[in-house]
Amino acid sequence: MPHFRGHDGLELSYRDLGAGRPLVLFHGLTGSGRDWLGPAEVLAAHGHRVLLPDLRGHGASAGPHDPAAYPPDVLADDGFALLEQLGLDDYDLGGYSFGGRVVLRLLARGARPGRAIIAGQSLDAVRRATSRTGVYHRALATLIDGGPVAPGSPAYWIRQAGGDPVALLHVLDTHVPTTGLDRITTPTLVVVGEEDHNHATADALAAALPDGRFAKVPGDHYTAMSSPELTTAMVEFLAQA
């Protein structure tokens, strides 16, 4: 896998598939760019160069345990670093769940892709910073402390994915609320699973964006990403003039 340097010089990894108009896709919490490989192959076949970064603290990217490596909004900083180092000035952005929040932060801070896709994300979630009492914080704290892990629980799945709970807990603490949605003029598709009840305000997020569009696809928060309908919605949206 090729590498790029985060805003502070940290070595981060990414995958590079296809050729054509660049499309950067950000993965969700505890995942990696590998999670996007199925849709990425389809998007590459439709003329996109698809770039799949592993966020810091995830996948093959560096995940130091020093809290200083995780300042507020560092994932957006890393996104800008990737765009700059690859020389991308005409491109599209997309992200699922946690990655959708990264896309929104990039847009709020001045990134101007041709189009953007925010999937598995909602207005309520992006307007607040992550709470230390949230389900993922509790799950990661359980793993760090060596507490009991129930099969099927969030802590169980994080452990199954091989994530580093210390790095991931630091990553969660980088969240900042997003305001000024009315200033984001990029055409943006907000898409969510029909059964993703934790992101019931996804339609409100689309409505808050001046050029937001909203769509639903089959599945809940964990299955919608792999639905063929999500990939089809992305292909069709990116192909619009």
Foldseek 3Di string as FASTA:
>chain_A
DDWFAFPVGFTWDKDKDAAAAEEEEEEDFLAFLVLCVVLVVVVNVVGYTYMTIGFAQYDPTDQDLPLVVQAALSRLRRVVRVCVVVVPDEHEYEYAQRRLLSVLVNLLVPRAYQEYEREPAALVVQQAQDDCPDQLNVLLVCVVVVHDDDPPGPVNVSVVSVGDSSSSNSNSNNHDHGDDQQPRARQYEYEYEPAQVVRPRSVVSQVSHPRRDYYYDHDYSVCRSVDVVVSVVVSVVVPDD
